[in-house]
């Protein structure tokens, strides 16, 4: 999917998923965009271009930093992208909730909701990669991976989903999936 294309990655949290993915792909994003202020733990060292957006970017902010022919990936980008931007750009998101089986896990913090649920309510955990559309976690699903939920606690679930996310991104980005 990204072979021979400009790759832009966005994050709001730590950016560790991008670092892990870059190492495994043997390629870093051409641009990393974040709303996290730079600091001592800044992951961007050595990457060609780094861009900081405000906490509530407008469509003008997005248009000012996104390249039209980019494949754009979201890695914990905790901002709603304006509908016009979703329609103008090729944007993909990894969601750490198995929304193919449990649509109620759309939105923020699905790991916490799974961990806090009654025993047996979620017998599987997983991740999906979907095309970003104006609705939150509503876009067409490109790929999915799941496993039996034998995990206890939010941190354990999150750790397993983080590993699954890297593998799912690798599989998706290394293959030529058709645009939905």
N, C-alpha and C. Protein backbone atom coordinates (compact mmCIF):
# COMPACT_ATOMS: atom_id res chain seq x y z
N UNK A 1 0.81 -1.19 0.00
CA UNK A 1 0.00 0.00 0.00
C UNK A 1 0.86 1.27 0.00
N UNK A 2 2.00 1.24 0.72
CA UNK A 2 2.85 2.44 0.79
C UNK A 2 4.07 2.35 -0.11
N UNK A 3 4.26 1.22 -0.74
CA UNK A 3 5.44 1.04 -1.59
C UNK A 3 5.43 2.09 -2.70
N UNK A 4 6.50 2.90 -2.75
CA UNK A 4 6.63 3.93 -3.77
C UNK A 4 5.75 5.14 -3.55
N UNK A 5 5.09 5.23 -2.41
CA UNK A 5 4.21 6.37 -2.12
C UNK A 5 4.75 7.19 -0.96
N UNK A 6 4.30 8.42 -0.91
CA UNK A 6 4.60 9.31 0.21
C UNK A 6 3.76 8.82 1.40
N UNK A 7 4.38 8.66 2.56
CA UNK A 7 3.68 8.15 3.74
C UNK A 7 3.70 9.20 4.84
N UNK A 8 2.52 9.54 5.33
CA UNK A 8 2.36 10.48 6.43
C UNK A 8 1.71 9.74 7.59
N UNK A 9 2.29 9.86 8.78
CA UNK A 9 1.75 9.19 9.97
C UNK A 9 1.40 10.26 11.01
N UNK A 10 0.25 10.10 11.66
CA UNK A 10 -0.20 11.02 12.70
C UNK A 10 -0.34 10.29 14.02
N UNK A 11 0.04 10.95 15.12
CA UNK A 11 -0.16 10.37 16.46
C UNK A 11 -0.43 11.46 17.49
N UNK A 12 -1.10 11.07 18.58
CA UNK A 12 -1.36 11.97 19.70
C UNK A 12 -0.72 11.49 20.99
N UNK A 13 -0.42 10.20 21.10
CA UNK A 13 0.10 9.65 22.35
C UNK A 13 1.62 9.60 22.33
N UNK A 14 2.19 8.41 22.33
CA UNK A 14 3.65 8.27 22.45
C UNK A 14 4.38 8.12 21.14
N UNK A 15 3.71 7.66 20.11
CA UNK A 15 4.37 7.42 18.84
C UNK A 15 5.14 6.12 18.78
N UNK A 16 5.07 5.30 19.84
CA UNK A 16 5.85 4.06 19.86
C UNK A 16 5.41 3.10 18.75
N UNK A 17 4.14 3.12 18.39
CA UNK A 17 3.67 2.24 17.32
C UNK A 17 4.38 2.60 16.01
N UNK A 18 4.57 3.89 15.74
CA UNK A 18 5.24 4.32 14.52
C UNK A 18 6.70 3.87 14.53
N UNK A 19 7.36 3.99 15.68
CA UNK A 19 8.76 3.58 15.81
C UNK A 19 8.88 2.08 15.53
N UNK A 20 8.04 1.29 16.19
CA UNK A 20 8.07 -0.17 16.03
C UNK A 20 7.79 -0.57 14.58
N UNK A 21 6.79 0.05 14.00
CA UNK A 21 6.40 -0.24 12.63
C UNK A 21 7.51 0.16 11.66
N UNK A 22 8.12 1.31 11.86
CA UNK A 22 9.20 1.78 10.99
C UNK A 22 10.38 0.82 11.00
N UNK A 23 10.73 0.34 12.19
CA UNK A 23 11.84 -0.62 12.29
C UNK A 23 11.53 -1.89 11.50
N UNK A 24 10.32 -2.38 11.64
CA UNK A 24 9.95 -3.63 10.98
C UNK A 24 9.81 -3.46 9.47
N UNK A 25 9.35 -2.28 9.03
CA UNK A 25 9.20 -2.02 7.60
C UNK A 25 10.53 -1.66 6.94
N UNK A 26 11.48 -1.19 7.76
CA UNK A 26 12.73 -0.70 7.19
C UNK A 26 12.55 0.64 6.51
N UNK A 27 11.54 1.37 6.95
CA UNK A 27 11.20 2.66 6.36
C UNK A 27 10.49 3.52 7.39
N UNK A 28 10.86 4.78 7.45
CA UNK A 28 10.14 5.71 8.33
C UNK A 28 9.13 6.49 7.50
N UNK A 29 8.11 7.03 8.16
CA UNK A 29 7.19 7.90 7.41
C UNK A 29 7.97 9.09 6.84
N UNK A 30 7.51 9.59 5.72
CA UNK A 30 8.11 10.79 5.15
C UNK A 30 7.83 12.00 6.03
N UNK A 31 6.67 11.97 6.67
CA UNK A 31 6.26 13.05 7.56
C UNK A 31 5.56 12.44 8.76
N UNK A 32 5.85 12.97 9.93
CA UNK A 32 5.10 12.62 11.14
C UNK A 32 4.43 13.90 11.61
N UNK A 33 3.14 13.78 11.87
CA UNK A 33 2.35 14.91 12.35
C UNK A 33 1.83 14.53 13.73
N UNK A 34 1.93 15.45 14.66
CA UNK A 34 1.45 15.20 16.02
C UNK A 34 0.89 16.48 16.62
N UNK A 35 0.12 16.31 17.66
CA UNK A 35 -0.32 17.46 18.45
C UNK A 35 0.34 17.40 19.83
N UNK A 36 1.30 16.49 19.98
CA UNK A 36 2.05 16.36 21.23
C UNK A 36 3.26 17.30 21.16
N UNK A 37 3.41 18.19 22.13
CA UNK A 37 4.56 19.10 22.10
C UNK A 37 5.87 18.33 22.15
N UNK A 38 6.91 18.84 21.48
CA UNK A 38 8.21 18.14 21.50
C UNK A 38 8.76 18.08 22.92
N UNK A 39 9.50 17.02 23.20
CA UNK A 39 10.09 16.85 24.52
C UNK A 39 11.29 15.95 24.46
N UNK A 40 11.80 15.62 25.64
CA UNK A 40 13.00 14.79 25.73
C UNK A 40 12.77 13.40 25.15
N UNK A 41 11.54 12.91 25.18
CA UNK A 41 11.25 11.57 24.67
C UNK A 41 10.75 11.61 23.23
N UNK A 42 11.03 12.71 22.53
CA UNK A 42 10.55 12.92 21.18
C UNK A 42 11.01 11.79 20.26
N UNK A 43 10.08 11.14 19.57
CA UNK A 43 10.40 9.99 18.72
C UNK A 43 10.86 10.39 17.33
N UNK A 44 10.83 11.67 17.01
CA UNK A 44 11.01 12.11 15.63
C UNK A 44 12.45 12.21 15.15
N UNK A 45 13.41 12.00 16.01
CA UNK A 45 14.81 12.19 15.63
C UNK A 45 15.14 11.43 14.35
N UNK A 46 15.73 12.12 13.42
CA UNK A 46 16.18 11.48 12.19
C UNK A 46 15.13 11.35 11.12
N UNK A 47 13.92 11.75 11.39
CA UNK A 47 12.88 11.68 10.37
C UNK A 47 12.87 13.01 9.62
N UNK A 48 12.73 12.91 8.32
CA UNK A 48 12.91 14.05 7.43
C UNK A 48 12.11 15.29 7.84
N UNK A 49 10.87 15.13 8.21
CA UNK A 49 10.03 16.28 8.50
C UNK A 49 9.08 15.93 9.64
N UNK A 50 8.92 16.87 10.56
CA UNK A 50 8.01 16.69 11.69
C UNK A 50 7.13 17.93 11.78
N UNK A 51 5.85 17.72 11.95
CA UNK A 51 4.91 18.84 11.96
C UNK A 51 4.05 18.75 13.21
N UNK A 52 3.84 19.88 13.84
CA UNK A 52 3.00 19.95 15.03
C UNK A 52 1.74 20.71 14.70
N UNK A 53 0.60 20.10 14.98
CA UNK A 53 -0.69 20.73 14.77
C UNK A 53 -1.29 21.11 16.12
N UNK A 54 -2.20 22.08 16.13
CA UNK A 54 -2.87 22.43 17.39
C UNK A 54 -3.74 21.27 17.88
N UNK A 55 -4.18 21.35 19.11
CA UNK A 55 -5.01 20.29 19.68
C UNK A 55 -6.34 20.10 18.95
N UNK A 56 -6.85 21.15 18.36
CA UNK A 56 -8.10 21.04 17.60
C UNK A 56 -7.86 21.57 16.19
N UNK A 57 -7.19 20.77 15.35
CA UNK A 57 -6.86 21.25 14.00
C UNK A 57 -8.11 21.48 13.15
N UNK A 58 -8.08 22.54 12.37
CA UNK A 58 -9.17 22.84 11.44
C UNK A 58 -8.86 22.20 10.09
N UNK A 59 -9.84 22.23 9.20
CA UNK A 59 -9.59 21.69 7.87
C UNK A 59 -8.48 22.48 7.17
N UNK A 60 -8.35 23.76 7.47
CA UNK A 60 -7.26 24.56 6.90
C UNK A 60 -5.92 24.07 7.43
N UNK A 61 -5.86 23.74 8.74
CA UNK A 61 -4.63 23.19 9.32
C UNK A 61 -4.24 21.89 8.61
N UNK A 62 -5.21 20.99 8.44
CA UNK A 62 -4.94 19.72 7.77
C UNK A 62 -4.47 19.94 6.33
N UNK A 63 -5.19 20.78 5.60
CA UNK A 63 -4.82 21.01 4.20
C UNK A 63 -3.42 21.61 4.08
N UNK A 64 -3.01 22.36 5.09
CA UNK A 64 -1.69 22.97 5.06
C UNK A 64 -0.54 21.99 5.25
N UNK A 65 -0.82 20.79 5.77
CA UNK A 65 0.26 19.84 6.06
C UNK A 65 0.15 18.50 5.34
N UNK A 66 -1.01 18.17 4.81
CA UNK A 66 -1.18 16.88 4.15
C UNK A 66 -0.90 17.01 2.66
N UNK A 67 -0.18 16.05 2.13
CA UNK A 67 0.14 16.00 0.71
C UNK A 67 -0.91 15.15 0.01
N UNK A 68 -1.44 15.64 -1.10
CA UNK A 68 -2.56 14.99 -1.78
C UNK A 68 -2.32 13.54 -2.15
N UNK A 69 -1.10 13.18 -2.53
CA UNK A 69 -0.84 11.81 -2.98
C UNK A 69 -0.30 10.90 -1.88
N UNK A 70 -0.41 11.32 -0.63
CA UNK A 70 0.08 10.52 0.50
C UNK A 70 -0.88 9.41 0.88
N UNK A 71 -0.30 8.34 1.42
CA UNK A 71 -1.07 7.39 2.21
C UNK A 71 -0.90 7.88 3.64
N UNK A 72 -2.01 8.16 4.30
CA UNK A 72 -2.00 8.73 5.64
C UNK A 72 -2.47 7.68 6.62
N UNK A 73 -1.65 7.43 7.65
CA UNK A 73 -2.01 6.44 8.66
C UNK A 73 -2.14 7.11 10.02
N UNK A 74 -3.12 6.67 10.79
CA UNK A 74 -3.37 7.22 12.12
C UNK A 74 -2.95 6.20 13.16
N UNK A 75 -2.15 6.65 14.12
CA UNK A 75 -1.61 5.78 15.17
C UNK A 75 -1.93 6.41 16.52
N UNK A 76 -3.17 6.25 16.95
CA UNK A 76 -3.58 6.89 18.19
C UNK A 76 -3.80 8.38 18.00
N UNK A 77 -4.21 8.79 16.81
CA UNK A 77 -4.54 10.20 16.55
C UNK A 77 -5.92 10.44 17.15
N UNK A 78 -5.94 11.15 18.25
CA UNK A 78 -7.17 11.28 19.04
C UNK A 78 -7.95 12.55 18.70
N UNK A 79 -8.05 12.84 17.43
CA UNK A 79 -8.78 14.00 16.97
C UNK A 79 -9.75 13.58 15.87
N UNK A 80 -10.91 14.21 15.85
CA UNK A 80 -11.88 13.97 14.78
C UNK A 80 -11.41 14.75 13.56
N UNK A 81 -11.29 14.06 12.45
CA UNK A 81 -10.86 14.69 11.21
C UNK A 81 -12.09 15.21 10.48
N UNK A 82 -12.07 16.48 10.04
CA UNK A 82 -13.24 17.06 9.36
C UNK A 82 -13.67 16.22 8.15
N UNK A 83 -14.98 16.13 7.91
CA UNK A 83 -15.50 15.31 6.81
C UNK A 83 -14.85 15.61 5.46
N UNK A 84 -14.61 16.88 5.16
CA UNK A 84 -14.01 17.24 3.86
C UNK A 84 -12.62 16.63 3.71
N UNK A 85 -11.87 16.57 4.80
CA UNK A 85 -10.51 16.02 4.77
C UNK A 85 -10.59 14.51 4.57
N UNK A 86 -11.54 13.87 5.25
CA UNK A 86 -11.73 12.41 5.09
C UNK A 86 -12.02 12.06 3.64
N UNK A 87 -12.77 12.89 2.97
CA UNK A 87 -13.16 12.61 1.60
C UNK A 87 -12.07 12.96 0.59
N UNK A 88 -11.20 13.91 0.93
CA UNK A 88 -10.16 14.37 -0.01
C UNK A 88 -8.89 13.53 0.01
N UNK A 89 -8.63 12.82 1.12
CA UNK A 89 -7.35 12.14 1.29
C UNK A 89 -7.54 10.66 1.53
N UNK A 90 -6.49 9.88 1.26
CA UNK A 90 -6.47 8.43 1.51
C UNK A 90 -5.94 8.23 2.94
N UNK A 91 -6.86 8.03 3.89
CA UNK A 91 -6.51 7.97 5.31
C UNK A 91 -6.99 6.64 5.89
N UNK A 92 -6.09 6.00 6.68
CA UNK A 92 -6.41 4.72 7.32
C UNK A 92 -6.14 4.82 8.81
N UNK A 93 -6.95 4.14 9.58
CA UNK A 93 -6.83 4.14 11.03
C UNK A 93 -6.81 2.71 11.55
N UNK A 94 -5.99 2.48 12.56
CA UNK A 94 -6.05 1.22 13.27
C UNK A 94 -6.87 1.45 14.53
N UNK A 95 -7.90 0.65 14.70
CA UNK A 95 -8.74 0.76 15.90
C UNK A 95 -8.51 -0.48 16.77
N UNK A 96 -8.12 -0.28 18.05
CA UNK A 96 -7.83 -1.41 18.93
C UNK A 96 -9.05 -2.01 19.60
N UNK A 97 -10.10 -2.18 18.83
CA UNK A 97 -11.31 -2.82 19.31
C UNK A 97 -11.87 -3.66 18.18
N UNK A 98 -12.36 -4.83 18.50
CA UNK A 98 -12.87 -5.75 17.48
C UNK A 98 -14.29 -5.35 17.08
N UNK A 99 -14.38 -4.24 16.34
CA UNK A 99 -15.69 -3.67 15.99
C UNK A 99 -16.44 -4.48 14.95
N UNK A 100 -15.76 -5.44 14.32
CA UNK A 100 -16.46 -6.34 13.39
C UNK A 100 -17.41 -7.26 14.16
N UNK A 101 -17.05 -7.60 15.37
CA UNK A 101 -17.87 -8.47 16.21
C UNK A 101 -18.62 -7.68 17.29
N UNK A 102 -17.99 -6.61 17.77
CA UNK A 102 -18.55 -5.81 18.87
C UNK A 102 -18.61 -4.34 18.45
N UNK A 103 -19.62 -3.95 17.67
CA UNK A 103 -19.68 -2.57 17.19
C UNK A 103 -19.74 -1.52 18.31
N UNK A 104 -20.15 -1.94 19.48
CA UNK A 104 -20.22 -1.01 20.61
C UNK A 104 -18.82 -0.56 21.07
N UNK A 105 -17.77 -1.18 20.55
CA UNK A 105 -16.40 -0.78 20.91
C UNK A 105 -15.85 0.33 20.03
N UNK A 106 -16.69 0.90 19.16
CA UNK A 106 -16.25 2.06 18.38
C UNK A 106 -16.01 3.22 19.33
N UNK A 107 -15.09 4.10 18.96
CA UNK A 107 -14.80 5.26 19.78
C UNK A 107 -13.58 5.05 20.66
N UNK A 108 -13.44 5.92 21.63
CA UNK A 108 -12.24 5.95 22.47
C UNK A 108 -12.20 4.82 23.50
N UNK A 109 -11.01 4.39 23.81
CA UNK A 109 -10.69 3.47 24.90
C UNK A 109 -11.41 2.13 24.88
N UNK A 110 -11.44 1.43 23.75
CA UNK A 110 -12.11 0.13 23.75
C UNK A 110 -11.43 -0.88 24.67
N UNK A 111 -10.10 -0.76 24.85
CA UNK A 111 -9.38 -1.69 25.74
C UNK A 111 -9.91 -1.57 27.17
N UNK A 112 -10.14 -0.36 27.61
CA UNK A 112 -10.65 -0.12 28.96
C UNK A 112 -12.06 -0.70 29.10
N UNK A 113 -12.87 -0.50 28.07
CA UNK A 113 -14.24 -1.02 28.13
C UNK A 113 -14.26 -2.54 28.16
N UNK A 114 -13.35 -3.18 27.42
CA UNK A 114 -13.26 -4.66 27.45
C UNK A 114 -12.80 -5.10 28.84
N UNK A 115 -11.77 -4.45 29.38
CA UNK A 115 -11.24 -4.83 30.70
C UNK A 115 -12.28 -4.64 31.80
N UNK A 116 -13.10 -3.60 31.67
CA UNK A 116 -14.09 -3.29 32.71
C UNK A 116 -15.40 -4.08 32.56
N UNK A 117 -15.57 -4.79 31.45
CA UNK A 117 -16.81 -5.52 31.18
C UNK A 117 -16.94 -6.76 32.07
N UNK A 118 -18.15 -7.25 32.16
CA UNK A 118 -18.40 -8.49 32.88
C UNK A 118 -17.60 -9.62 32.26
N UNK A 119 -17.18 -10.56 33.08
CA UNK A 119 -16.44 -11.72 32.57
C UNK A 119 -17.23 -12.41 31.47
N UNK A 120 -16.53 -12.75 30.40
CA UNK A 120 -17.15 -13.48 29.31
C UNK A 120 -17.90 -12.63 28.30
N UNK A 121 -18.08 -11.33 28.59
CA UNK A 121 -18.83 -10.48 27.67
C UNK A 121 -18.09 -10.33 26.34
N UNK A 122 -16.77 -10.22 26.42
CA UNK A 122 -15.95 -10.12 25.22
C UNK A 122 -15.01 -11.32 25.18
N UNK A 123 -15.41 -12.35 24.45
CA UNK A 123 -14.60 -13.57 24.39
C UNK A 123 -13.45 -13.47 23.41
N UNK A 124 -13.42 -12.38 22.62
CA UNK A 124 -12.31 -12.12 21.71
C UNK A 124 -11.87 -10.67 21.83
N UNK A 125 -10.59 -10.43 21.54
CA UNK A 125 -10.09 -9.07 21.41
C UNK A 125 -9.43 -8.98 20.04
N UNK A 126 -9.30 -7.77 19.53
CA UNK A 126 -8.68 -7.63 18.23
C UNK A 126 -8.58 -6.19 17.78
N UNK A 127 -8.05 -6.04 16.58
CA UNK A 127 -7.84 -4.73 15.96
C UNK A 127 -8.38 -4.77 14.54
N UNK A 128 -8.76 -3.61 14.04
CA UNK A 128 -9.14 -3.47 12.64
C UNK A 128 -8.41 -2.27 12.05
N UNK A 129 -8.15 -2.34 10.77
CA UNK A 129 -7.69 -1.17 10.03
C UNK A 129 -8.82 -0.83 9.07
N UNK A 130 -9.25 0.44 9.13
CA UNK A 130 -10.36 0.87 8.29
C UNK A 130 -10.04 2.19 7.61
N UNK A 131 -10.71 2.41 6.52
CA UNK A 131 -10.62 3.69 5.82
C UNK A 131 -11.30 4.73 6.70
N UNK A 132 -10.71 5.89 6.81
CA UNK A 132 -11.29 6.95 7.64
C UNK A 132 -12.35 7.69 6.83
N UNK A 133 -13.54 7.74 7.42
CA UNK A 133 -14.68 8.45 6.85
C UNK A 133 -15.20 9.41 7.92
N UNK A 134 -16.16 10.27 7.58
CA UNK A 134 -16.64 11.24 8.58
C UNK A 134 -17.18 10.62 9.88
N UNK A 135 -17.75 9.43 9.84
CA UNK A 135 -18.25 8.80 11.07
C UNK A 135 -17.11 8.15 11.86
N UNK A 136 -17.16 8.25 13.17
CA UNK A 136 -16.10 7.69 14.02
C UNK A 136 -16.07 6.16 13.89
N UNK A 137 -14.95 5.63 13.42
CA UNK A 137 -14.74 4.19 13.24
C UNK A 137 -15.82 3.54 12.38
N UNK A 138 -16.31 4.28 11.40
CA UNK A 138 -17.40 3.81 10.54
C UNK A 138 -16.93 3.39 9.15
N UNK A 139 -15.70 3.70 8.76
CA UNK A 139 -15.24 3.45 7.40
C UNK A 139 -15.11 1.98 7.07
N UNK A 140 -15.03 1.68 5.78
CA UNK A 140 -14.87 0.29 5.34
C UNK A 140 -13.62 -0.35 5.95
N UNK A 141 -13.77 -1.57 6.41
CA UNK A 141 -12.67 -2.28 7.06
C UNK A 141 -11.80 -2.94 6.00
N UNK A 142 -10.49 -2.67 6.11
CA UNK A 142 -9.52 -3.19 5.16
C UNK A 142 -8.94 -4.51 5.65
N UNK A 143 -8.67 -4.59 6.96
CA UNK A 143 -8.12 -5.82 7.53
C UNK A 143 -8.47 -5.89 9.01
N UNK A 144 -8.38 -7.12 9.53
CA UNK A 144 -8.80 -7.39 10.90
C UNK A 144 -8.00 -8.56 11.45
N UNK A 145 -7.74 -8.53 12.74
CA UNK A 145 -7.08 -9.66 13.40
C UNK A 145 -7.65 -9.78 14.81
N UNK A 146 -7.84 -11.00 15.26
CA UNK A 146 -8.40 -11.19 16.60
C UNK A 146 -7.80 -12.45 17.24
N UNK A 147 -8.01 -12.55 18.54
CA UNK A 147 -7.57 -13.71 19.30
C UNK A 147 -8.52 -13.89 20.48
N UNK A 148 -8.50 -15.06 21.02
CA UNK A 148 -9.32 -15.35 22.20
C UNK A 148 -8.90 -14.43 23.34
N UNK A 149 -9.85 -13.93 24.08
CA UNK A 149 -9.56 -13.03 25.19
C UNK A 149 -9.27 -13.84 26.46
N UNK A 150 -7.99 -14.05 26.69
CA UNK A 150 -7.55 -14.76 27.90
C UNK A 150 -6.76 -13.80 28.80
N UNK A 151 -6.95 -12.49 28.57
CA UNK A 151 -6.15 -11.47 29.23
C UNK A 151 -6.92 -10.83 30.37
N UNK A 152 -6.18 -10.41 31.37
CA UNK A 152 -6.78 -9.83 32.56
C UNK A 152 -6.23 -8.41 32.76
N UNK A 153 -7.10 -7.46 32.78
CA UNK A 153 -6.69 -6.08 33.05
C UNK A 153 -6.39 -5.30 31.79
N UNK A 154 -6.61 -3.99 31.89
CA UNK A 154 -6.44 -3.10 30.75
C UNK A 154 -5.00 -3.09 30.21
N UNK A 155 -4.01 -3.08 31.09
CA UNK A 155 -2.63 -2.99 30.60
C UNK A 155 -2.23 -4.25 29.83
N UNK A 156 -2.67 -5.41 30.27
CA UNK A 156 -2.36 -6.66 29.57
C UNK A 156 -3.07 -6.71 28.22
N UNK A 157 -4.33 -6.32 28.21
CA UNK A 157 -5.08 -6.28 26.96
C UNK A 157 -4.44 -5.28 26.00
N UNK A 158 -4.10 -4.10 26.50
CA UNK A 158 -3.48 -3.06 25.66
C UNK A 158 -2.16 -3.53 25.08
N UNK A 159 -1.36 -4.20 25.87
CA UNK A 159 -0.06 -4.71 25.41
C UNK A 159 -0.26 -5.71 24.28
N UNK A 160 -1.19 -6.63 24.43
CA UNK A 160 -1.46 -7.64 23.39
C UNK A 160 -1.98 -6.97 22.12
N UNK A 161 -2.89 -6.00 22.29
CA UNK A 161 -3.44 -5.31 21.13
C UNK A 161 -2.37 -4.49 20.41
N UNK A 162 -1.43 -3.92 21.16
CA UNK A 162 -0.34 -3.15 20.56
C UNK A 162 0.51 -4.05 19.66
N UNK A 163 0.81 -5.25 20.14
CA UNK A 163 1.56 -6.21 19.31
C UNK A 163 0.76 -6.61 18.07
N UNK A 164 -0.53 -6.87 18.27
CA UNK A 164 -1.40 -7.23 17.14
C UNK A 164 -1.47 -6.10 16.13
N UNK A 165 -1.51 -4.86 16.63
CA UNK A 165 -1.60 -3.68 15.76
C UNK A 165 -0.40 -3.60 14.83
N UNK A 166 0.79 -3.81 15.39
CA UNK A 166 2.01 -3.75 14.57
C UNK A 166 1.94 -4.79 13.46
N UNK A 167 1.57 -6.01 13.80
CA UNK A 167 1.49 -7.07 12.78
C UNK A 167 0.43 -6.76 11.73
N UNK A 168 -0.70 -6.21 12.15
CA UNK A 168 -1.76 -5.89 11.21
C UNK A 168 -1.34 -4.77 10.27
N UNK A 169 -0.67 -3.73 10.82
CA UNK A 169 -0.15 -2.66 9.96
C UNK A 169 0.87 -3.22 8.97
N UNK A 170 1.79 -4.05 9.44
CA UNK A 170 2.80 -4.63 8.55
C UNK A 170 2.15 -5.36 7.39
N UNK A 171 1.20 -6.21 7.70
CA UNK A 171 0.52 -6.98 6.67
C UNK A 171 -0.21 -6.05 5.70
N UNK A 172 -0.89 -5.06 6.23
CA UNK A 172 -1.68 -4.16 5.39
C UNK A 172 -0.80 -3.25 4.55
N UNK A 173 0.22 -2.67 5.15
CA UNK A 173 1.06 -1.72 4.42
C UNK A 173 1.98 -2.40 3.40
N UNK A 174 2.32 -3.66 3.64
CA UNK A 174 3.19 -4.38 2.72
C UNK A 174 2.44 -4.99 1.53
N UNK A 175 1.14 -4.94 1.54
CA UNK A 175 0.35 -5.54 0.46
C UNK A 175 -0.44 -4.46 -0.25
N UNK A 176 -0.75 -4.73 -1.48
CA UNK A 176 -1.51 -3.77 -2.28
C UNK A 176 -3.00 -4.04 -2.15
N UNK A 177 -3.55 -3.61 -1.01
CA UNK A 177 -5.00 -3.70 -0.86
C UNK A 177 -5.64 -2.69 -1.78
N UNK A 178 -6.76 -3.06 -2.35
CA UNK A 178 -7.45 -2.10 -3.20
C UNK A 178 -8.04 -1.01 -2.34
N UNK A 179 -8.10 0.18 -2.89
CA UNK A 179 -8.74 1.27 -2.19
C UNK A 179 -10.22 0.94 -2.05
N UNK A 180 -10.76 1.13 -0.83
CA UNK A 180 -12.20 0.88 -0.67
C UNK A 180 -13.03 1.91 -1.42
